[in-house]
Structures are given as structure tokens and as C-alpha cells.
C-alpha atoms as a PDB file:
ATOM      1  CA  MET A   1     -99.276-124.495  83.103  1.00  0.00           C
ATOM      2  CA  LYS A   2     -99.695-123.087  79.666  1.00  0.00           C
ATOM      3  CA  MET A   3    -101.776-120.351  80.826  1.00  0.00           C
ATOM      4  CA  LYS A   4     -99.453-118.898  83.331  1.00  0.00           C
ATOM      5  CA  GLY A   5     -97.766-116.858  80.844  1.00  0.00           C
ATOM      6  CA  GLU A   6     -94.060-116.516  79.799  1.00  0.00           C
ATOM      7  CA  GLY A   7     -92.966-114.393  82.891  1.00  0.00           C
ATOM      8  CA  GLY A   8     -95.339-112.191  83.356  1.00  0.00           C
ATOM      9  CA  LYS A   9     -94.525-108.627  81.830  1.00  0.00           C
ATOM     10  CA  SER A  10     -96.022-107.017  78.673  1.00  0.00           C
ATOM     11  CA  PRO A  11     -93.426-106.560  76.060  1.00  0.00           C
ATOM     12  CA  LEU A  12     -95.264-103.209  74.642  1.00  0.00           C
ATOM     13  CA  GLN A  13     -93.199-100.061  74.958  1.00  0.00           C
ATOM     14  CA  VAL A  14     -94.432 -96.680  76.042  1.00  0.00           C
ATOM     15  CA  ASN A  15     -93.265 -93.957  73.804  1.00  0.00           C
ATOM     16  CA  VAL A  16     -94.594 -90.263  73.929  1.00  0.00           C
ATOM     17  CA  TYR A  17     -94.129 -89.998  70.261  1.00  0.00           C
ATOM     18  CA  ASP A  18     -95.763 -93.050  69.245  1.00  0.00           C
ATOM     19  CA  ILE A  19     -98.849 -92.305  71.728  1.00  0.00           C
ATOM     20  CA  ILE A  20     -98.919 -88.738  69.973  1.00  0.00           C
ATOM     21  CA  THR A  21     -98.925 -90.251  66.490  1.00  0.00           C
ATOM     22  CA  GLY A  22    -101.459 -92.905  67.568  1.00  0.00           C
ATOM     23  CA  PHE A  23    -103.765 -90.300  68.823  1.00  0.00           C
ATOM     24  CA  LEU A  24    -103.458 -88.008  65.879  1.00  0.00           C
ATOM     25  CA  GLY A  25    -103.453 -90.479  63.085  1.00  0.00           C
ATOM     26  CA  GLY A  26    -106.817 -92.180  64.786  1.00  0.00           C
ATOM     27  CA  ALA A  27    -108.362 -88.886  65.481  1.00  0.00           C
ATOM     28  CA  ILE A  28    -107.609 -87.280  62.035  1.00  0.00           C
ATOM     29  CA  THR A  29    -108.629 -90.553  60.150  1.00  0.00           C
ATOM     30  CA  ILE A  30    -111.896 -91.053  61.760  1.00  0.00           C
ATOM     31  CA  PHE A  31    -112.766 -87.042  61.603  1.00  0.00           C
ATOM     32  CA  ILE A  32    -112.051 -87.031  57.827  1.00  0.00           C
ATOM     33  CA  LEU A  33    -114.303 -90.275  57.482  1.00  0.00           C
ATOM     34  CA  GLY A  34    -116.987 -88.513  59.471  1.00  0.00           C
ATOM     35  CA  LEU A  35    -116.582 -85.218  57.426  1.00  0.00           C
ATOM     36  CA  LEU A  36    -116.574 -87.012  54.191  1.00  0.00           C
ATOM     37  CA  THR A  37    -119.763 -88.943  55.355  1.00  0.00           C
ATOM     38  CA  ARG A  38    -121.429 -85.634  56.243  1.00  0.00           C
ATOM     39  CA  PHE A  39    -120.726 -83.789  53.019  1.00  0.00           C
ATOM     40  CA  THR A  40    -121.184 -86.798  50.628  1.00  0.00           C
ATOM     41  CA  TYR A  41    -124.274 -88.144  52.333  1.00  0.00           C
ATOM     42  CA  THR A  42    -122.455 -91.600  52.057  1.00  0.00           C
ATOM     43  CA  PRO A  43    -121.743 -93.475  55.003  1.00  0.00           C
ATOM     44  CA  LEU A  44    -117.785 -94.179  55.195  1.00  0.00           C
ATOM     45  CA  LEU A  45    -117.658 -95.145  58.897  1.00  0.00           C
ATOM     46  CA  ILE A  46    -118.003 -98.625  60.377  1.00  0.00           C
ATOM     47  CA  ALA A  47    -116.885 -99.604  64.052  1.00  0.00           C
ATOM     48  CA  SER A  48    -114.148-101.962  62.927  1.00  0.00           C
ATOM     49  CA  PHE A  49    -112.250 -98.864  61.243  1.00  0.00           C
ATOM     50  CA  GLY A  50    -111.512 -97.501  65.042  1.00  0.00           C
ATOM     51  CA  ALA A  51    -109.724-100.822  65.630  1.00  0.00           C
ATOM     52  CA  SER A  52    -107.885-100.607  62.141  1.00  0.00           C
ATOM     53  CA  CYS A  53    -106.716 -97.238  63.276  1.00  0.00           C
ATOM     54  CA  VAL A  54    -105.096 -98.706  66.323  1.00  0.00           C
ATOM     55  CA  LEU A  55    -103.237-101.051  64.158  1.00  0.00           C
ATOM     56  CA  ALA A  56    -102.384 -98.481  61.256  1.00  0.00           C
ATOM     57  CA  PHE A  57    -101.171 -95.786  63.711  1.00  0.00           C
ATOM     58  CA  GLY A  58    -100.248 -97.718  66.909  1.00  0.00           C
ATOM     59  CA  LEU A  59     -98.749-100.870  65.646  1.00  0.00           C
ATOM     60  CA  TRP A  60     -97.994 -99.354  62.129  1.00  0.00           C
ATOM     61  CA  ASN A  61     -95.188-101.878  61.541  1.00  0.00           C
ATOM     62  CA  SER A  62     -96.896-105.168  62.413  1.00  0.00           C
ATOM     63  CA  PRO A  63     -97.762-107.261  59.193  1.00  0.00           C
ATOM     64  CA  LEU A  64    -101.309-107.110  60.291  1.00  0.00           C
ATOM     65  CA  SER A  65    -101.318-103.288  59.851  1.00  0.00           C
ATOM     66  CA  GLN A  66    -100.071-103.017  56.243  1.00  0.00           C
ATOM     67  CA  PRO A  67    -102.125-101.674  53.367  1.00  0.00           C
ATOM     68  CA  ARG A  68    -102.861-105.329  52.057  1.00  0.00           C
ATOM     69  CA  ASN A  69    -104.066-106.382  55.293  1.00  0.00           C
ATOM     70  CA  ILE A  70    -106.230-103.343  55.923  1.00  0.00           C
ATOM     71  CA  ILE A  71    -107.782-103.044  52.525  1.00  0.00           C
ATOM     72  CA  GLY A  72    -107.732-106.820  51.613  1.00  0.00           C
ATOM     73  CA  GLY A  73    -108.835-107.987  55.119  1.00  0.00           C
ATOM     74  CA  HIS A  74    -111.833-105.672  55.306  1.00  0.00           C
ATOM     75  CA  PHE A  75    -112.886-106.408  51.528  1.00  0.00           C
ATOM     76  CA  ILE A  76    -112.580-110.237  52.018  1.00  0.00           C
ATOM     77  CA  SER A  77    -114.399-110.301  55.375  1.00  0.00           C
ATOM     78  CA  THR A  78    -117.330-108.008  54.270  1.00  0.00           C
ATOM     79  CA  LEU A  79    -117.544-109.780  51.205  1.00  0.00           C
ATOM     80  CA  ILE A  80    -117.874-113.235  53.140  1.00  0.00           C
ATOM     81  CA  GLY A  81    -120.389-111.560  55.485  1.00  0.00           C
ATOM     82  CA  LEU A  82    -122.632-110.274  52.341  1.00  0.00           C
ATOM     83  CA  ILE A  83    -122.564-113.768  50.681  1.00  0.00           C
ATOM     84  CA  ILE A  84    -123.475-115.527  54.068  1.00  0.00           C
ATOM     85  CA  TYR A  85    -126.377-113.012  54.650  1.00  0.00           C
ATOM     86  CA  HIS A  86    -127.872-113.157  51.294  1.00  0.00           C
ATOM     87  CA  VAL A  87    -127.575-116.740  51.090  1.00  0.00           C
ATOM     88  CA  PHE A  88    -128.615-117.729  54.763  1.00  0.00           C
ATOM     89  CA  GLY A  89    -129.849-114.741  56.486  1.00  0.00           C
ATOM     90  CA  ASN A  90    -129.454-113.585  59.894  1.00  0.00           C
ATOM     91  CA  GLU A  91    -128.905-116.829  62.194  1.00  0.00           C
ATOM     92  CA  PRO A  92    -126.565-117.284  65.141  1.00  0.00           C
ATOM     93  CA  TRP A  93    -124.917-120.015  62.978  1.00  0.00           C
ATOM     94  CA  SER A  94    -124.622-117.708  59.985  1.00  0.00           C
ATOM     95  CA  LEU A  95    -122.890-115.225  62.263  1.00  0.00           C
ATOM     96  CA  ALA A  96    -120.526-117.807  63.292  1.00  0.00           C
ATOM     97  CA  MET A  97    -119.860-119.242  59.743  1.00  0.00           C
ATOM     98  CA  GLY A  98    -119.361-115.787  58.399  1.00  0.00           C
ATOM     99  CA  VAL A  99    -116.632-114.983  61.050  1.00  0.00           C
ATOM    100  CA  GLY A 100    -114.853-118.237  60.806  1.00  0.00           C
ATOM    101  CA  LEU A 101    -114.968-118.312  56.983  1.00  0.00           C
ATOM    102  CA  ALA A 102    -113.521-114.700  56.952  1.00  0.00           C
ATOM    103  CA  ILE A 103    -110.829-115.661  59.366  1.00  0.00           C
ATOM    104  CA  GLY A 104    -109.727-118.601  57.280  1.00  0.00           C
ATOM    105  CA  LEU A 105    -109.819-116.834  53.869  1.00  0.00           C
ATOM    106  CA  MET A 106    -107.840-113.735  55.318  1.00  0.00           C
ATOM    107  CA  MET A 107    -105.171-116.316  56.655  1.00  0.00           C
ATOM    108  CA  LEU A 108    -105.274-118.120  53.329  1.00  0.00           C
ATOM    109  CA  THR A 109    -104.593-114.825  51.290  1.00  0.00           C
ATOM    110  CA  LYS A 110    -102.188-113.287  53.889  1.00  0.00           C
ATOM    111  CA  THR A 111    -104.709-110.397  54.527  1.00  0.00           C
ATOM    112  CA  THR A 112    -105.288-111.030  58.088  1.00  0.00           C
ATOM    113  CA  HIS A 113    -106.631-107.976  59.745  1.00  0.00           C
ATOM    114  CA  PRO A 114    -108.130-108.464  63.227  1.00  0.00           C
ATOM    115  CA  PRO A 115    -110.691-105.633  62.970  1.00  0.00           C
ATOM    116  CA  ALA A 116    -112.056-106.976  59.850  1.00  0.00           C
ATOM    117  CA  GLY A 117    -113.097-110.241  61.769  1.00  0.00           C
ATOM    118  CA  ALA A 118    -115.946-108.005  62.879  1.00  0.00           C
ATOM    119  CA  ASP A 119    -117.152-107.143  59.469  1.00  0.00           C
ATOM    120  CA  PRO A 120    -119.247-110.205  58.785  1.00  0.00           C
ATOM    121  CA  ILE A 121    -121.213-109.459  62.174  1.00  0.00           C
ATOM    122  CA  ILE A 122    -121.746-105.789  61.073  1.00  0.00           C
ATOM    123  CA  VAL A 123    -122.924-106.961  57.695  1.00  0.00           C
ATOM    124  CA  ILE A 124    -125.221-109.710  58.784  1.00  0.00           C
ATOM    125  CA  LEU A 125    -126.714-107.808  61.750  1.00  0.00           C
ATOM    126  CA  GLY A 126    -127.124-104.646  59.719  1.00  0.00           C
ATOM    127  CA  SER A 127    -128.830-106.607  56.661  1.00  0.00           C
ATOM    128  CA  TYR A 128    -126.605-104.636  54.225  1.00  0.00           C
ATOM    129  CA  THR A 129    -126.843-104.786  50.517  1.00  0.00           C
ATOM    130  CA  TRP A 130    -123.775-105.270  48.226  1.00  0.00           C
ATOM    131  CA  GLU A 131    -123.068-101.818  47.899  1.00  0.00           C
ATOM    132  CA  TYR A 132    -121.848-101.759  51.336  1.00  0.00           C
ATOM    133  CA  LEU A 133    -118.643-103.708  50.123  1.00  0.00           C
ATOM    134  CA  PHE A 134    -117.675-100.736  48.267  1.00  0.00           C
ATOM    135  CA  THR A 135    -119.046 -97.907  50.426  1.00  0.00           C
ATOM    136  CA  PRO A 136    -118.066 -97.741  53.300  1.00  0.00           C
ATOM    137  CA  VAL A 137    -115.814-100.775  53.448  1.00  0.00           C
ATOM    138  CA  LEU A 138    -113.378-100.445  50.314  1.00  0.00           C
ATOM    139  CA  THR A 139    -113.579 -96.497  50.336  1.00  0.00           C
ATOM    140  CA  GLY A 140    -113.126 -96.049  54.051  1.00  0.00           C
ATOM    141  CA  SER A 141    -110.307 -98.646  54.180  1.00  0.00           C
ATOM    142  CA  ILE A 142    -108.558 -96.952  51.198  1.00  0.00           C
ATOM    143  CA  VAL A 143    -108.769 -93.612  53.163  1.00  0.00           C
ATOM    144  CA  ILE A 144    -107.347 -95.276  56.222  1.00  0.00           C
ATOM    145  CA  VAL A 145    -104.499 -96.632  54.255  1.00  0.00           C
ATOM    146  CA  LEU A 146    -103.731 -92.976  52.494  1.00  0.00           C
ATOM    147  CA  LEU A 147    -103.856 -91.277  55.907  1.00  0.00           C
ATOM    148  CA  ALA A 148    -101.450 -93.974  57.420  1.00  0.00           C
ATOM    149  CA  LEU A 149     -98.990 -93.307  54.588  1.00  0.00           C
ATOM    150  CA  ILE A 150     -98.914 -89.692  55.154  1.00  0.00           C
ATOM    151  CA  ILE A 151     -99.112 -89.440  58.992  1.00  0.00           C
ATOM    152  CA  ASN A 152     -96.849 -92.387  59.729  1.00  0.00           C
ATOM    153  CA  ASN A 153     -94.132 -91.147  57.150  1.00  0.00           C
ATOM    154  CA  LEU A 154     -94.215 -87.583  58.850  1.00  0.00           C
ATOM    155  CA  ARG A 155     -91.962 -89.423  61.604  1.00  0.00           C
ATOM    156  CA  SER A 156     -88.297 -89.699  60.563  1.00  0.00           C
ATOM    157  CA  ASN A 157     -88.050 -93.222  62.381  1.00  0.00           C
ATOM    158  CA  ARG A 158     -90.850 -94.641  60.700  1.00  0.00           C
ATOM    159  CA  LYS A 159     -91.339 -96.181  57.195  1.00  0.00           C
ATOM    160  CA  TYR A 160     -94.875 -97.106  56.326  1.00  0.00           C
ATOM    161  CA  PRO A 161     -95.599 -99.437  54.602  1.00  0.00           C
ATOM    162  CA  VAL A 162     -93.288-102.249  55.606  1.00  0.00           C
ATOM    163  CA  PHE A 163     -94.623-104.212  52.511  1.00  0.00           C
ATOM    164  CA  TRP A 164     -97.302-103.866  50.013  1.00  0.00           C
ATOM    165  CA  LEU A 165     -97.727-107.278  48.537  1.00  0.00           C
END
């Protein structure tokens, strides 16, 4: 009975201005990260950043979309992934432990950001070094937040962020 739903309809609303803002915010952010990657020869893109853009521009007022969560969530999850990889290597159980610990620590630190749950998998499967924590993760997540600050606040009916700390 619990799995039947609450009456069946999605509470999500369709708003043309929100769709345009989401499209432009996500496209501009990923384009800028791609350009910075090309011109600096420093990778600043990871797959989970696309999902972060969904939250930053599509669900901008969600607690999970705030700067603390985007930056902190990616940082903590990547750090966990790096620790697990460098201590235990790439094993199915280490992938599971990395994701589980990342979820727990994000919740404990109030930095829950669902796209960051993928970061330990990315780090462990990619066999990344400690530098990965700063480039692309920290730098890229800061760029996402900076662009979210600009793009979301161009709209008179949006105030981003809802909170910093």
C-alpha cells in the first residue's frame, strides 16, 4: 500500500521562464567549464556537474541546491572517494562504502547534494590522484555557484542563494 503514491500527480509545475532559465543556466555553465578546460588544459568538468546544474538552475530554491550544498557536497564526497580509493583500491565493496560514507557525511554536515553521491564512484573508477579534489571538483563547483548567483538573480522573482550557511 505504501508504494501506491499519495494520489498520483506530480507536484512539479511547468513554467516557461523557469524552463528558459534552467536551459540557459545549465548550458552556459557547462560551456564555460568546457572553455576553461580547453584554454587552461586543466579538466574542470565531471559528469555529476550536469546534475548539479539541474538543481542550481531548475530547483534553485531547494536546500539541496544552495552554495553550501553544491560546494560542500562535492568536496566531501570526492574526499571520501579519494580516501577510500587510496586505502582500499577499486573494489565493488569500496565503491559501495565510498557512496555510503559520502551520503552519511553529507547528511551529518548538512551539505547533502544528490549529484555529489556519484563522486566517489567517479574517483574510484577513474583512479584519480589527490589533485582531483581541487581540480576539477572544488574549482568546478565554485564556478557553478558563481554562475548560479548571477543567472538566478537576473530574474526578479528569484533570490539565490536561499542561505549560505
